[in-house]
Amino acid sequence: MLPLISIVIVTFRAGATLKDCLKSVISQQYKNIELVVIDGGSDDNTLDIIQAHASHIGYWVSEKDKGIYDAMNKGIKACKGDWVIFLGADDIFYSDTILNEIFIENEISVDVSFLYGNIILKSNGELRGGSRDYYQLIENNIPHQAIFYKKKLLEQLGGYNCKYKILADYDINLRIFREPGIVKKYLPVTVSLFNDKGTSNTTIDKDFFQEQLQYFITKDKLQANSPLLQKYYFFNGFAYILQHQWLKGIRVLWQALRTGERKFYYFLVTGLYFLSIIGVRKKIKSS
């Protein structure tokens, strides 16, 4: 018997993109699908689109939530599938055969709980993915649009930590990869076209980078000058600056500039950031 795949789509004011997302799910040749839509109380035409496709949707709700991860947790509770994948309303499956390719053409052992493939960035068509180990995950997260989670695993983990407003999916993946008893499997297939211009890709989660950096140093015993930590020093520094802790932020950014192989890149980005701040302040003074 084919496993039931729950596709959870989280929406908010998604009238411009939701129809294409739903079409990519409904057109799947794989037949054992449950479609769940969790809407955050949209006031555009999102609900009209949902209602027009209601015959294909197993469960949907429209109500205010506390952010994307609160909505995703609602989706976990509502869905009934063996496997769960989360799509944004501006993401689409790569093809109408992708679920067949994964769950029919491949043999998935019953002990696998975390199944993942690749994504293509909508902005430039770039393919992103590849097999990961824990330390590779530290450097590059796996987008949830490329991941199928066993529902039981998500329940055991307690779902997403809503304390993290932007990077709770990164947090849950790190927790999974820290557990050697959780069986992961990579398949070299493209799962979805991923919108990489959303809020979560342009915002810094102030708590996440600070807490993870401490974990890497105290629990994983990574050296403070490890190249793996360069990105974390960089974003941690900006998190402090966003909290107006300037000296601490500059100190941590300096650590990023000293660590790893991409010193010139981080030097340029840091320089451009401070130049932008100077430009904004000049505009304020002259207005």
C-alpha atoms as a PDB file:
ATOM      1  CA  MET A   1       0.000   0.000   0.000  1.00  0.00           C
ATOM      2  CA  LEU A   2       1.303   3.433  -0.930  1.00  0.00           C
ATOM      3  CA  PRO A   3       2.085   5.733   2.004  1.00  0.00           C
ATOM      4  CA  LEU A   4      -0.212   8.705   2.488  1.00  0.00           C
ATOM      5  CA  ILE A   5       1.623  11.954   1.725  1.00  0.00           C
ATOM      6  CA  SER A   6       0.338  15.084   3.473  1.00  0.00           C
ATOM      7  CA  ILE A   7       1.171  18.298   1.648  1.00  0.00           C
ATOM      8  CA  VAL A   8       0.745  21.242   3.999  1.00  0.00           C
ATOM      9  CA  ILE A   9       0.510  24.658   2.351  1.00  0.00           C
ATOM     10  CA  VAL A  10       0.814  27.677   4.637  1.00  0.00           C
ATOM     11  CA  THR A  11      -0.742  30.854   3.252  1.00  0.00           C
ATOM     12  CA  PHE A  12      -1.309  34.502   4.052  1.00  0.00           C
ATOM     13  CA  ARG A  13      -2.511  36.982   1.439  1.00  0.00           C
ATOM     14  CA  ALA A  14      -1.320  34.561  -1.219  1.00  0.00           C
ATOM     15  CA  GLY A  15      -3.847  35.303  -3.942  1.00  0.00           C
ATOM     16  CA  ALA A  16      -1.150  36.014  -6.525  1.00  0.00           C
ATOM     17  CA  THR A  17       0.577  32.626  -6.236  1.00  0.00           C
ATOM     18  CA  LEU A  18      -1.639  30.087  -4.466  1.00  0.00           C
ATOM     19  CA  LYS A  19      -3.460  28.849  -7.572  1.00  0.00           C
ATOM     20  CA  ASP A  20      -0.206  27.649  -9.186  1.00  0.00           C
ATOM     21  CA  CYS A  21       0.896  25.998  -5.955  1.00  0.00           C
ATOM     22  CA  LEU A  22      -2.398  24.123  -5.618  1.00  0.00           C
ATOM     23  CA  LYS A  23      -2.295  23.103  -9.283  1.00  0.00           C
ATOM     24  CA  SER A  24       1.170  21.576  -8.818  1.00  0.00           C
ATOM     25  CA  VAL A  25      -0.207  19.421  -5.996  1.00  0.00           C
ATOM     26  CA  ILE A  26      -3.527  18.472  -7.565  1.00  0.00           C
ATOM     27  CA  SER A  27      -1.837  17.454 -10.831  1.00  0.00           C
ATOM     28  CA  GLN A  28       0.404  14.883  -9.124  1.00  0.00           C
ATOM     29  CA  GLN A  29       0.116  11.422 -10.653  1.00  0.00           C
ATOM     30  CA  TYR A  30       0.686   9.919  -7.214  1.00  0.00           C
ATOM     31  CA  LYS A  31      -2.781   9.181  -5.909  1.00  0.00           C
ATOM     32  CA  ASN A  32      -2.461   8.791  -2.144  1.00  0.00           C
ATOM     33  CA  ILE A  33      -2.283  12.478  -1.260  1.00  0.00           C
ATOM     34  CA  GLU A  34      -3.812  14.594   1.479  1.00  0.00           C
ATOM     35  CA  LEU A  35      -3.811  18.345   0.870  1.00  0.00           C
ATOM     36  CA  VAL A  36      -3.948  20.614   3.927  1.00  0.00           C
ATOM     37  CA  VAL A  37      -4.109  24.419   3.730  1.00  0.00           C
ATOM     38  CA  ILE A  38      -3.467  26.586   6.787  1.00  0.00           C
ATOM     39  CA  ASP A  39      -4.295  30.232   6.135  1.00  0.00           C
ATOM     40  CA  GLY A  40      -3.441  33.031   8.527  1.00  0.00           C
ATOM     41  CA  GLY A  41      -6.658  35.009   8.088  1.00  0.00           C
ATOM     42  CA  SER A  42      -6.100  36.456   4.621  1.00  0.00           C
ATOM     43  CA  ASP A  43      -8.176  39.448   3.538  1.00  0.00           C
ATOM     44  CA  ASP A  44      -7.420  39.230  -0.198  1.00  0.00           C
ATOM     45  CA  ASN A  45      -8.717  36.618  -2.668  1.00  0.00           C
ATOM     46  CA  THR A  46      -6.843  33.739  -1.015  1.00  0.00           C
ATOM     47  CA  LEU A  47     -10.024  32.284   0.488  1.00  0.00           C
ATOM     48  CA  ASP A  48     -11.800  32.444  -2.875  1.00  0.00           C
ATOM     49  CA  ILE A  49      -9.013  30.337  -4.386  1.00  0.00           C
ATOM     50  CA  ILE A  50      -9.111  27.861  -1.495  1.00  0.00           C
ATOM     51  CA  GLN A  51     -12.878  27.478  -1.771  1.00  0.00           C
ATOM     52  CA  ALA A  52     -12.669  27.017  -5.543  1.00  0.00           C
ATOM     53  CA  HIS A  53     -10.350  24.042  -4.964  1.00  0.00           C
ATOM     54  CA  ALA A  54     -12.111  22.746  -1.843  1.00  0.00           C
ATOM     55  CA  SER A  55     -12.980  19.403  -3.443  1.00  0.00           C
ATOM     56  CA  HIS A  56      -9.254  18.608  -3.607  1.00  0.00           C
ATOM     57  CA  ILE A  57      -8.446  19.822  -0.090  1.00  0.00           C
ATOM     58  CA  GLY A  58      -8.745  17.412   2.803  1.00  0.00           C
ATOM     59  CA  TYR A  59      -8.633  20.111   5.477  1.00  0.00           C
ATOM     60  CA  TRP A  60      -8.335  23.867   5.509  1.00  0.00           C
ATOM     61  CA  VAL A  61      -8.716  26.653   8.017  1.00  0.00           C
ATOM     62  CA  SER A  62      -8.394  30.424   7.929  1.00  0.00           C
ATOM     63  CA  GLU A  63      -7.631  32.095  11.241  1.00  0.00           C
ATOM     64  CA  LYS A  64      -5.036  34.348  12.769  1.00  0.00           C
ATOM     65  CA  ASP A  65      -1.840  32.633  13.821  1.00  0.00           C
ATOM     66  CA  LYS A  66       1.408  33.541  15.555  1.00  0.00           C
ATOM     67  CA  GLY A  67       3.564  33.218  12.466  1.00  0.00           C
ATOM     68  CA  ILE A  68       4.544  30.678   9.848  1.00  0.00           C
ATOM     69  CA  TYR A  69       5.769  28.031  12.303  1.00  0.00           C
ATOM     70  CA  ASP A  70       2.622  28.239  14.392  1.00  0.00           C
ATOM     71  CA  ALA A  71       0.730  27.603  11.145  1.00  0.00           C
ATOM     72  CA  MET A  72       3.012  24.689  10.264  1.00  0.00           C
ATOM     73  CA  ASN A  73       2.437  23.180  13.703  1.00  0.00           C
ATOM     74  CA  LYS A  74      -1.313  23.449  13.083  1.00  0.00           C
ATOM     75  CA  GLY A  75      -0.719  21.579   9.851  1.00  0.00           C
ATOM     76  CA  ILE A  76       1.100  18.785  11.688  1.00  0.00           C
ATOM     77  CA  LYS A  77      -1.838  18.370  14.057  1.00  0.00           C
ATOM     78  CA  ALA A  78      -4.420  18.461  11.266  1.00  0.00           C
ATOM     79  CA  CYS A  79      -2.798  16.110   8.771  1.00  0.00           C
ATOM     80  CA  LYS A  80      -3.138  12.322   8.768  1.00  0.00           C
ATOM     81  CA  GLY A  81      -0.311  11.306   6.443  1.00  0.00           C
ATOM     82  CA  ASP A  82       2.598   8.960   6.968  1.00  0.00           C
ATOM     83  CA  TRP A  83       4.865  11.636   5.474  1.00  0.00           C
ATOM     84  CA  VAL A  84       4.570  15.434   5.602  1.00  0.00           C
ATOM     85  CA  ILE A  85       6.032  18.088   3.308  1.00  0.00           C
ATOM     86  CA  PHE A  86       5.516  21.834   3.734  1.00  0.00           C
ATOM     87  CA  LEU A  87       5.164  24.187   0.778  1.00  0.00           C
ATOM     88  CA  GLY A  88       4.814  27.934   0.788  1.00  0.00           C
ATOM     89  CA  ALA A  89       2.015  29.361  -1.320  1.00  0.00           C
ATOM     90  CA  ASP A  90       4.649  30.664  -3.748  1.00  0.00           C
ATOM     91  CA  ASP A  91       6.404  27.280  -4.148  1.00  0.00           C
ATOM     92  CA  ILE A  92       5.468  24.542  -6.614  1.00  0.00           C
ATOM     93  CA  PHE A  93       6.396  20.912  -7.108  1.00  0.00           C
ATOM     94  CA  TYR A  94       9.025  20.455  -9.805  1.00  0.00           C
ATOM     95  CA  SER A  95       6.907  18.068 -11.893  1.00  0.00           C
ATOM     96  CA  ASP A  96       3.631  16.162 -11.752  1.00  0.00           C
ATOM     97  CA  THR A  97       5.579  12.907 -11.385  1.00  0.00           C
ATOM     98  CA  ILE A  98       7.882  13.871  -8.518  1.00  0.00           C
ATOM     99  CA  LEU A  99       5.944  12.000  -5.819  1.00  0.00           C
ATOM    100  CA  ASN A 100       5.878   8.901  -8.020  1.00  0.00           C
ATOM    101  CA  GLU A 101       9.634   9.210  -8.530  1.00  0.00           C
ATOM    102  CA  ILE A 102      10.234   9.377  -4.800  1.00  0.00           C
ATOM    103  CA  PHE A 103       7.734   6.940  -3.326  1.00  0.00           C
ATOM    104  CA  ILE A 104       7.182   4.420  -6.137  1.00  0.00           C
ATOM    105  CA  GLU A 105      10.407   4.336  -8.129  1.00  0.00           C
ATOM    106  CA  ASN A 106      12.612   4.310  -5.012  1.00  0.00           C
ATOM    107  CA  GLU A 107      12.679   1.797  -2.217  1.00  0.00           C
ATOM    108  CA  ILE A 108      12.290   3.695   1.051  1.00  0.00           C
ATOM    109  CA  SER A 109      13.167   1.606   4.083  1.00  0.00           C
ATOM    110  CA  VAL A 110      10.589   1.661   6.883  1.00  0.00           C
ATOM    111  CA  ASP A 111      13.189   2.983   9.320  1.00  0.00           C
ATOM    112  CA  VAL A 112      13.781   6.189   7.307  1.00  0.00           C
ATOM    113  CA  SER A 113      12.176   9.212   8.997  1.00  0.00           C
ATOM    114  CA  PHE A 114      13.777  12.108   7.117  1.00  0.00           C
ATOM    115  CA  LEU A 115      13.758  12.007   3.322  1.00  0.00           C
ATOM    116  CA  TYR A 116      15.161  14.848   1.250  1.00  0.00           C
ATOM    117  CA  GLY A 117      16.179  15.891  -2.250  1.00  0.00           C
ATOM    118  CA  ASN A 118      17.003  19.090  -4.133  1.00  0.00           C
ATOM    119  CA  ILE A 119      15.282  22.359  -4.947  1.00  0.00           C
ATOM    120  CA  ILE A 120      15.621  24.897  -7.745  1.00  0.00           C
ATOM    121  CA  LEU A 121      15.670  28.596  -6.854  1.00  0.00           C
ATOM    122  CA  LYS A 122      12.930  30.502  -8.631  1.00  0.00           C
ATOM    123  CA  SER A 123      15.021  33.667  -8.764  1.00  0.00           C
ATOM    124  CA  ASN A 124      17.807  32.316 -10.976  1.00  0.00           C
ATOM    125  CA  GLY A 125      17.117  28.658 -11.765  1.00  0.00           C
ATOM    126  CA  GLU A 126      20.035  27.462  -9.662  1.00  0.00           C
ATOM    127  CA  LEU A 127      19.938  23.867  -8.416  1.00  0.00           C
ATOM    128  CA  ARG A 128      20.541  23.542  -4.669  1.00  0.00           C
ATOM    129  CA  GLY A 129      20.891  20.346  -2.710  1.00  0.00           C
ATOM    130  CA  GLY A 130      23.047  17.305  -2.253  1.00  0.00           C
ATOM    131  CA  SER A 131      23.599  14.871   0.564  1.00  0.00           C
ATOM    132  CA  ARG A 132      24.387  16.392   3.958  1.00  0.00           C
ATOM    133  CA  ASP A 133      26.004  15.335   7.161  1.00  0.00           C
ATOM    134  CA  TYR A 134      25.621  17.312  10.380  1.00  0.00           C
ATOM    135  CA  TYR A 135      28.608  19.582   9.776  1.00  0.00           C
ATOM    136  CA  GLN A 136      27.537  20.301   6.205  1.00  0.00           C
ATOM    137  CA  LEU A 137      24.091  21.193   7.539  1.00  0.00           C
ATOM    138  CA  ILE A 138      25.715  23.730   9.858  1.00  0.00           C
ATOM    139  CA  GLU A 139      26.961  25.557   6.768  1.00  0.00           C
ATOM    140  CA  ASN A 140      23.833  25.136   4.616  1.00  0.00           C
ATOM    141  CA  ASN A 141      20.335  24.277   5.754  1.00  0.00           C
ATOM    142  CA  ILE A 142      18.005  22.067   3.722  1.00  0.00           C
ATOM    143  CA  PRO A 143      14.852  23.990   2.712  1.00  0.00           C
ATOM    144  CA  HIS A 144      11.647  22.373   3.955  1.00  0.00           C
ATOM    145  CA  GLN A 145      10.400  22.414   0.357  1.00  0.00           C
ATOM    146  CA  ALA A 146      12.902  19.593  -0.292  1.00  0.00           C
ATOM    147  CA  ILE A 147      12.073  17.501   2.788  1.00  0.00           C
ATOM    148  CA  PHE A 148       9.553  14.793   3.608  1.00  0.00           C
ATOM    149  CA  TYR A 149       9.276  14.219   7.359  1.00  0.00           C
ATOM    150  CA  LYS A 150       7.648  11.222   8.951  1.00  0.00           C
ATOM    151  CA  LYS A 151       4.702  12.672  10.849  1.00  0.00           C
ATOM    152  CA  LYS A 152       5.656  10.580  13.876  1.00  0.00           C
ATOM    153  CA  LEU A 153       9.087  12.224  13.898  1.00  0.00           C
ATOM    154  CA  LEU A 154       7.599  15.733  13.881  1.00  0.00           C
ATOM    155  CA  GLU A 155       5.307  14.769  16.746  1.00  0.00           C
ATOM    156  CA  GLN A 156       8.181  13.266  18.742  1.00  0.00           C
ATOM    157  CA  LEU A 157      10.160  16.486  18.310  1.00  0.00           C
ATOM    158  CA  GLY A 158       7.213  18.595  19.450  1.00  0.00           C
ATOM    159  CA  GLY A 159       6.945  20.361  16.107  1.00  0.00           C
ATOM    160  CA  TYR A 160       8.600  23.678  15.354  1.00  0.00           C
ATOM    161  CA  ASN A 161       9.950  25.961  18.064  1.00  0.00           C
ATOM    162  CA  CYS A 162       7.875  29.109  17.585  1.00  0.00           C
ATOM    163  CA  LYS A 163      10.373  31.143  19.589  1.00  0.00           C
ATOM    164  CA  TYR A 164      12.309  31.329  16.342  1.00  0.00           C
ATOM    165  CA  LYS A 165      10.268  33.517  14.001  1.00  0.00           C
ATOM    166  CA  ILE A 166      12.348  32.914  10.876  1.00  0.00           C
ATOM    167  CA  LEU A 167      14.617  29.906  11.301  1.00  0.00           C
ATOM    168  CA  ALA A 168      12.653  27.287  13.230  1.00  0.00           C
ATOM    169  CA  ASP A 169      12.979  24.960  10.227  1.00  0.00           C
ATOM    170  CA  TYR A 170      16.765  25.224  10.534  1.00  0.00           C
ATOM    171  CA  ASP A 171      16.470  24.481  14.242  1.00  0.00           C
ATOM    172  CA  ILE A 172      14.389  21.344  13.732  1.00  0.00           C
ATOM    173  CA  ASN A 173      16.765  20.046  11.052  1.00  0.00           C
ATOM    174  CA  LEU A 174      19.761  20.568  13.328  1.00  0.00           C
ATOM    175  CA  ARG A 175      17.956  18.697  16.102  1.00  0.00           C
ATOM    176  CA  ILE A 176      17.273  15.820  13.701  1.00  0.00           C
ATOM    177  CA  PHE A 177      20.854  15.632  12.433  1.00  0.00           C
ATOM    178  CA  ARG A 178      22.201  15.667  15.988  1.00  0.00           C
ATOM    179  CA  GLU A 179      20.433  12.371  16.620  1.00  0.00           C
ATOM    180  CA  PRO A 180      22.280   9.455  14.961  1.00  0.00           C
ATOM    181  CA  GLY A 181      19.309   7.191  15.698  1.00  0.00           C
ATOM    182  CA  ILE A 182      17.098   9.161  13.297  1.00  0.00           C
ATOM    183  CA  VAL A 183      17.568   7.597   9.861  1.00  0.00           C
ATOM    184  CA  LYS A 184      17.949  10.087   7.003  1.00  0.00           C
ATOM    185  CA  LYS A 185      17.966   9.389   3.281  1.00  0.00           C
ATOM    186  CA  TYR A 186      18.963  11.637   0.387  1.00  0.00           C
ATOM    187  CA  LEU A 187      17.532  11.133  -3.096  1.00  0.00           C
ATOM    188  CA  PRO A 188      19.151  12.958  -6.069  1.00  0.00           C
ATOM    189  CA  VAL A 189      15.834  14.309  -7.368  1.00  0.00           C
ATOM    190  CA  THR A 190      14.482  17.848  -7.634  1.00  0.00           C
ATOM    191  CA  VAL A 191      11.457  18.144  -5.381  1.00  0.00           C
ATOM    192  CA  SER A 192      10.278  21.715  -5.868  1.00  0.00           C
ATOM    193  CA  LEU A 193      10.798  25.184  -7.253  1.00  0.00           C
ATOM    194  CA  PHE A 194      11.520  27.303  -4.203  1.00  0.00           C
ATOM    195  CA  ASN A 195      10.796  31.019  -3.848  1.00  0.00           C
ATOM    196  CA  ASP A 196      14.035  32.262  -2.312  1.00  0.00           C
ATOM    197  CA  LYS A 197      12.894  35.894  -2.058  1.00  0.00           C
ATOM    198  CA  GLY A 198      10.504  35.461   0.866  1.00  0.00           C
ATOM    199  CA  THR A 199      10.675  37.095   4.293  1.00  0.00           C
ATOM    200  CA  SER A 200      12.628  34.282   5.904  1.00  0.00           C
ATOM    201  CA  ASN A 201      15.452  34.800   3.427  1.00  0.00           C
ATOM    202  CA  THR A 202      15.860  38.524   4.062  1.00  0.00           C
ATOM    203  CA  THR A 203      15.477  38.668   7.842  1.00  0.00           C
ATOM    204  CA  ILE A 204      17.828  37.757  10.665  1.00  0.00           C
ATOM    205  CA  ASP A 205      16.410  35.714  13.553  1.00  0.00           C
ATOM    206  CA  LYS A 206      17.940  37.455  16.551  1.00  0.00           C
ATOM    207  CA  ASP A 207      17.809  34.489  18.940  1.00  0.00           C
ATOM    208  CA  PHE A 208      18.689  31.641  16.617  1.00  0.00           C
ATOM    209  CA  PHE A 209      22.260  32.443  15.655  1.00  0.00           C
ATOM    210  CA  GLN A 210      23.315  33.392  19.177  1.00  0.00           C
ATOM    211  CA  GLU A 211      21.951  30.173  20.691  1.00  0.00           C
ATOM    212  CA  GLN A 212      23.212  27.872  17.942  1.00  0.00           C
ATOM    213  CA  LEU A 213      26.684  29.404  18.086  1.00  0.00           C
ATOM    214  CA  GLN A 214      26.873  28.585  21.781  1.00  0.00           C
ATOM    215  CA  TYR A 215      25.725  25.019  21.072  1.00  0.00           C
ATOM    216  CA  PHE A 216      28.364  24.496  18.397  1.00  0.00           C
ATOM    217  CA  ILE A 217      31.136  25.648  20.716  1.00  0.00           C
ATOM    218  CA  THR A 218      30.012  24.079  24.014  1.00  0.00           C
ATOM    219  CA  LYS A 219      28.297  20.871  22.831  1.00  0.00           C
ATOM    220  CA  ASP A 220      29.903  20.090  19.466  1.00  0.00           C
ATOM    221  CA  LYS A 221      33.308  21.257  20.733  1.00  0.00           C
ATOM    222  CA  LEU A 222      34.019  23.227  17.581  1.00  0.00           C
ATOM    223  CA  GLN A 223      36.950  25.589  17.917  1.00  0.00           C
ATOM    224  CA  ALA A 224      36.035  29.260  18.067  1.00  0.00           C
ATOM    225  CA  ASN A 225      38.089  29.872  14.906  1.00  0.00           C
ATOM    226  CA  SER A 226      36.504  26.999  12.955  1.00  0.00           C
ATOM    227  CA  PRO A 227      35.668  27.980   9.343  1.00  0.00           C
ATOM    228  CA  LEU A 228      32.299  26.251   9.881  1.00  0.00           C
ATOM    229  CA  LEU A 229      31.337  29.038  12.247  1.00  0.00           C
ATOM    230  CA  GLN A 230      32.146  31.978   9.975  1.00  0.00           C
ATOM    231  CA  LYS A 231      28.553  32.456   8.843  1.00  0.00           C
ATOM    232  CA  TYR A 232      27.323  32.221  12.416  1.00  0.00           C
ATOM    233  CA  TYR A 233      29.695  34.911  13.648  1.00  0.00           C
ATOM    234  CA  PHE A 234      28.582  37.057  10.731  1.00  0.00           C
ATOM    235  CA  PHE A 235      24.836  36.792  11.366  1.00  0.00           C
ATOM    236  CA  ASN A 236      25.291  36.797  15.132  1.00  0.00           C
ATOM    237  CA  GLY A 237      27.125  40.100  14.802  1.00  0.00           C
ATOM    238  CA  PHE A 238      24.272  41.596  12.816  1.00  0.00           C
ATOM    239  CA  ALA A 239      21.779  40.259  15.367  1.00  0.00           C
ATOM    240  CA  TYR A 240      23.595  42.209  18.093  1.00  0.00           C
ATOM    241  CA  ILE A 241      23.670  45.324  15.909  1.00  0.00           C
ATOM    242  CA  LEU A 242      19.920  45.060  15.280  1.00  0.00           C
ATOM    243  CA  GLN A 243      19.545  45.044  19.068  1.00  0.00           C
ATOM    244  CA  HIS A 244      21.729  48.218  19.153  1.00  0.00           C
ATOM    245  CA  GLN A 245      24.532  46.371  20.953  1.00  0.00           C
ATOM    246  CA  TRP A 246      27.094  47.986  18.680  1.00  0.00           C
ATOM    247  CA  LEU A 247      30.378  47.100  20.371  1.00  0.00           C
ATOM    248  CA  LYS A 248      29.442  43.464  20.846  1.00  0.00           C
ATOM    249  CA  GLY A 249      28.181  43.276  17.266  1.00  0.00           C
ATOM    250  CA  ILE A 250      31.341  44.777  15.793  1.00  0.00           C
ATOM    251  CA  ARG A 251      33.473  42.420  17.897  1.00  0.00           C
ATOM    252  CA  VAL A 252      31.600  39.376  16.603  1.00  0.00           C
ATOM    253  CA  LEU A 253      31.694  40.645  13.004  1.00  0.00           C
ATOM    254  CA  TRP A 254      35.457  41.015  13.362  1.00  0.00           C
ATOM    255  CA  GLN A 255      35.595  37.357  14.371  1.00  0.00           C
ATOM    256  CA  ALA A 256      33.745  36.484  11.142  1.00  0.00           C
ATOM    257  CA  LEU A 257      36.262  38.483   9.116  1.00  0.00           C
ATOM    258  CA  ARG A 258      39.148  36.604  10.751  1.00  0.00           C
ATOM    259  CA  THR A 259      37.629  33.122  10.396  1.00  0.00           C
ATOM    260  CA  GLY A 260      37.269  30.822   7.403  1.00  0.00           C
ATOM    261  CA  GLU A 261      38.021  31.207   3.723  1.00  0.00           C
ATOM    262  CA  ARG A 262      35.448  33.812   2.635  1.00  0.00           C
ATOM    263  CA  LYS A 263      37.072  36.773   4.370  1.00  0.00           C
ATOM    264  CA  PHE A 264      36.864  39.066   1.349  1.00  0.00           C
ATOM    265  CA  TYR A 265      33.161  38.310   0.799  1.00  0.00           C
ATOM    266  CA  TYR A 266      32.236  39.035   4.413  1.00  0.00           C
ATOM    267  CA  PHE A 267      34.441  42.138   4.406  1.00  0.00           C
ATOM    268  CA  LEU A 268      32.523  43.497   1.399  1.00  0.00           C
ATOM    269  CA  VAL A 269      29.096  42.684   2.843  1.00  0.00           C
ATOM    270  CA  THR A 270      29.990  44.229   6.201  1.00  0.00           C
ATOM    271  CA  GLY A 271      31.382  47.325   4.518  1.00  0.00           C
ATOM    272  CA  LEU A 272      28.288  47.763   2.360  1.00  0.00           C
ATOM    273  CA  TYR A 273      26.062  47.387   5.411  1.00  0.00           C
ATOM    274  CA  PHE A 274      27.834  50.124   7.358  1.00  0.00           C
ATOM    275  CA  LEU A 275      27.921  52.371   4.294  1.00  0.00           C
ATOM    276  CA  SER A 276      24.149  51.925   3.991  1.00  0.00           C
ATOM    277  CA  ILE A 277      23.736  52.938   7.651  1.00  0.00           C
ATOM    278  CA  ILE A 278      25.826  56.064   7.059  1.00  0.00           C
ATOM    279  CA  GLY A 279      23.723  56.872   3.986  1.00  0.00           C
ATOM    280  CA  VAL A 280      20.465  56.506   5.895  1.00  0.00           C
ATOM    281  CA  ARG A 281      21.691  58.741   8.712  1.00  0.00           C
ATOM    282  CA  LYS A 282      22.803  61.423   6.250  1.00  0.00           C
ATOM    283  CA  LYS A 283      19.365  61.384   4.625  1.00  0.00           C
ATOM    284  CA  ILE A 284      17.695  61.747   8.027  1.00  0.00           C
ATOM    285  CA  LYS A 285      19.918  64.693   8.971  1.00  0.00           C
ATOM    286  CA  SER A 286      19.365  66.454   5.643  1.00  0.00           C
ATOM    287  CA  SER A 287      15.578  66.025   5.685  1.00  0.00           C
END
